[in-house]
Amino acid sequence: MKTTLAKTSNDAEKAWFVVDAQDQVVGRLAVKIAAILRGRHKPTYTPHVDTGDHVVVINADKVKFTGSKEQDKTYMFYTGWVGTAYRRNAAHMRTHNEEFIIQHAVKGMLPKNKLAFKMIKKLHIYGGADHPHAAQNPVPFKG
């Protein structure tokens, strides 16, 4: 039995998937998206090669948090100057930058290396139901 490994990311064909985030829990959705970006759903998955696909997330402003995370979960930002760390809760981020919630969750589930930067560039998040990627013929992801 032979194991085939992808040589470069050019060997793998990149597909496009659409994920509807409406009424889905953020963490569970991020696990599915991270698996698609890494290519874990393909038989040619290779950990050190970017074999993943593009993901278009729509309705990012309608994701759900479980429990009281809407008010309790905080995101910390730091400008680099002393005393300038500030925190925003999930409700604030939903009104000001709804794409950030999903992007932050997915980025945390990707590997911490240079390959993750290539993977996160294939994630396209939109707050509404419309997206400009109709020409790529994205397929709805069932999973």
Protein backbone atom coordinates (compact mmCIF):
# COMPACT_ATOMS: atom_id res chain seq x y z
CA MET A 1 0.00 0.00 0.00
CA LYS A 2 1.39 3.39 -0.98
CA THR A 3 0.68 6.72 0.56
CA THR A 4 0.49 9.57 -1.90
CA LEU A 5 1.58 12.99 -0.72
CA ALA A 6 0.84 16.23 -2.49
CA LYS A 7 4.06 17.81 -3.70
CA THR A 8 2.98 21.43 -3.96
CA SER A 9 -0.20 23.37 -3.45
CA ASN A 10 -0.45 23.71 -7.24
CA ASP A 11 -1.12 19.96 -7.54
CA ALA A 12 -4.39 20.22 -5.66
CA GLU A 13 -7.43 21.55 -7.46
CA LYS A 14 -9.03 24.40 -5.51
CA ALA A 15 -12.80 24.20 -5.21
CA TRP A 16 -15.10 26.90 -3.87
CA PHE A 17 -17.65 26.30 -1.11
CA VAL A 18 -20.40 28.52 0.28
CA VAL A 19 -21.23 28.21 3.97
CA ASP A 20 -24.37 29.85 5.33
CA ALA A 21 -23.61 30.98 8.89
CA GLN A 22 -27.17 31.93 9.79
CA ASP A 23 -28.19 30.50 13.20
CA GLN A 24 -25.03 28.39 13.52
CA VAL A 25 -22.83 28.29 16.61
CA VAL A 26 -19.53 30.10 16.04
CA GLY A 27 -17.16 27.42 17.34
CA ARG A 28 -18.82 24.51 15.56
CA LEU A 29 -18.93 26.47 12.33
CA ALA A 30 -15.27 27.46 12.65
CA VAL A 31 -14.23 23.80 12.98
CA LYS A 32 -15.92 22.94 9.68
CA ILE A 33 -14.45 25.96 7.90
CA ALA A 34 -10.92 25.29 9.21
CA ALA A 35 -11.12 21.69 8.00
CA ILE A 36 -12.08 22.84 4.49
CA LEU A 37 -9.30 25.46 4.42
CA ARG A 38 -6.72 22.85 5.43
CA GLY A 39 -8.05 20.23 3.01
CA ARG A 40 -8.95 17.64 5.66
CA HIS A 41 -12.01 16.62 3.64
CA LYS A 42 -9.89 15.43 0.70
CA PRO A 43 -8.18 12.06 0.30
CA THR A 44 -5.01 13.89 -0.82
CA TYR A 45 -4.68 15.78 2.48
CA THR A 46 -1.07 16.48 3.35
CA PRO A 47 -0.31 18.40 6.56
CA HIS A 48 2.67 20.37 5.22
CA VAL A 49 1.02 21.37 1.90
CA ASP A 50 -1.89 23.73 1.37
CA THR A 51 -4.40 21.38 -0.29
CA GLY A 52 -7.48 23.18 1.00
CA ASP A 53 -10.29 24.93 -0.82
CA HIS A 54 -11.75 28.43 -0.83
CA VAL A 55 -14.64 29.13 1.56
CA VAL A 56 -17.21 31.90 1.17
CA VAL A 57 -19.14 32.56 4.38
CA ILE A 58 -22.43 34.43 4.04
CA ASN A 59 -24.72 35.81 6.77
CA ALA A 60 -21.79 36.23 9.14
CA ASP A 61 -23.77 38.79 11.13
CA LYS A 62 -26.33 36.13 12.12
CA VAL A 63 -24.08 33.61 13.89
CA LYS A 64 -24.99 32.48 17.40
CA PHE A 65 -23.09 32.16 20.64
CA THR A 66 -24.08 29.62 23.27
CA GLY A 67 -24.89 30.69 26.80
CA SER A 68 -24.04 34.26 27.72
CA LYS A 69 -20.99 34.57 25.46
CA GLU A 70 -22.61 37.41 23.51
CA GLN A 71 -21.89 39.71 26.47
CA ASP A 72 -19.14 37.79 28.32
CA LYS A 73 -16.71 36.87 25.52
CA THR A 74 -14.08 39.56 25.01
CA TYR A 75 -11.53 40.18 22.30
CA MET A 76 -8.32 41.95 23.34
CA PHE A 77 -6.39 44.36 21.14
CA TYR A 78 -3.00 45.91 21.87
CA THR A 79 -1.49 48.85 20.00
CA GLY A 80 2.06 48.28 21.23
CA TRP A 81 2.17 51.29 23.51
CA VAL A 82 2.16 50.97 27.27
CA GLY A 83 -1.33 50.96 28.74
CA THR A 84 -3.14 50.82 25.42
CA ALA A 85 -4.64 47.34 25.59
CA TYR A 86 -8.38 47.44 25.16
CA ARG A 87 -11.14 44.86 25.10
CA ARG A 88 -14.37 44.60 23.15
CA ASN A 89 -17.15 42.09 23.75
CA ALA A 90 -18.80 39.97 21.07
CA ALA A 91 -21.91 42.16 20.92
CA HIS A 92 -19.76 45.21 20.09
CA MET A 93 -17.82 43.29 17.43
CA ARG A 94 -21.08 42.06 15.87
CA THR A 95 -22.28 45.63 15.32
CA HIS A 96 -18.95 47.11 14.18
CA ASN A 97 -17.12 44.27 12.39
CA GLU A 98 -19.23 41.14 12.00
CA GLU A 99 -16.64 39.36 9.86
CA PHE A 100 -14.08 39.49 12.66
CA ILE A 101 -15.95 37.01 14.88
CA ILE A 102 -15.72 34.15 12.38
CA GLN A 103 -12.26 35.08 11.14
CA HIS A 104 -10.87 35.14 14.67
CA ALA A 105 -12.40 31.75 15.50
CA VAL A 106 -11.16 30.09 12.29
CA LYS A 107 -7.68 31.58 12.59
CA GLY A 108 -7.36 30.13 16.07
CA MET A 109 -8.09 26.66 14.70
CA LEU A 110 -5.46 26.76 11.95
CA PRO A 111 -1.83 25.75 12.55
CA LYS A 112 0.48 28.43 13.87
CA ASN A 113 2.91 28.68 10.97
CA LYS A 114 3.45 30.37 7.60
CA LEU A 115 1.10 27.93 5.89
CA ALA A 116 -1.81 29.25 7.96
CA PHE A 117 -1.39 32.67 6.34
CA LYS A 118 -1.99 31.11 2.92
CA MET A 119 -5.01 29.25 4.26
CA ILE A 120 -6.68 32.26 5.90
CA LYS A 121 -6.38 34.20 2.62
CA LYS A 122 -8.78 31.66 1.07
CA LEU A 123 -11.50 32.60 3.58
CA HIS A 124 -14.00 35.17 2.29
CA ILE A 125 -16.55 36.42 4.85
CA TYR A 126 -19.60 38.59 4.14
CA GLY A 127 -22.19 39.94 6.56
CA GLY A 128 -25.15 39.67 4.22
CA ALA A 129 -26.49 36.99 1.89
CA ASP A 130 -24.78 38.44 -1.21
CA HIS A 131 -21.20 37.77 -2.28
CA PRO A 132 -19.15 38.71 -5.38
CA HIS A 133 -17.85 35.17 -6.02
CA ALA A 134 -20.66 33.89 -8.25
CA ALA A 135 -18.23 33.51 -11.18
CA GLN A 136 -16.32 30.80 -9.30
CA ASN A 137 -19.50 28.67 -9.07
CA PRO A 138 -19.28 27.93 -5.34
CA VAL A 139 -21.00 24.78 -4.11
CA PRO A 140 -23.03 24.80 -0.86
CA PHE A 141 -21.11 22.88 1.79
CA LYS A 142 -23.05 20.13 3.50
CA GLY A 143 -21.31 18.88 6.54
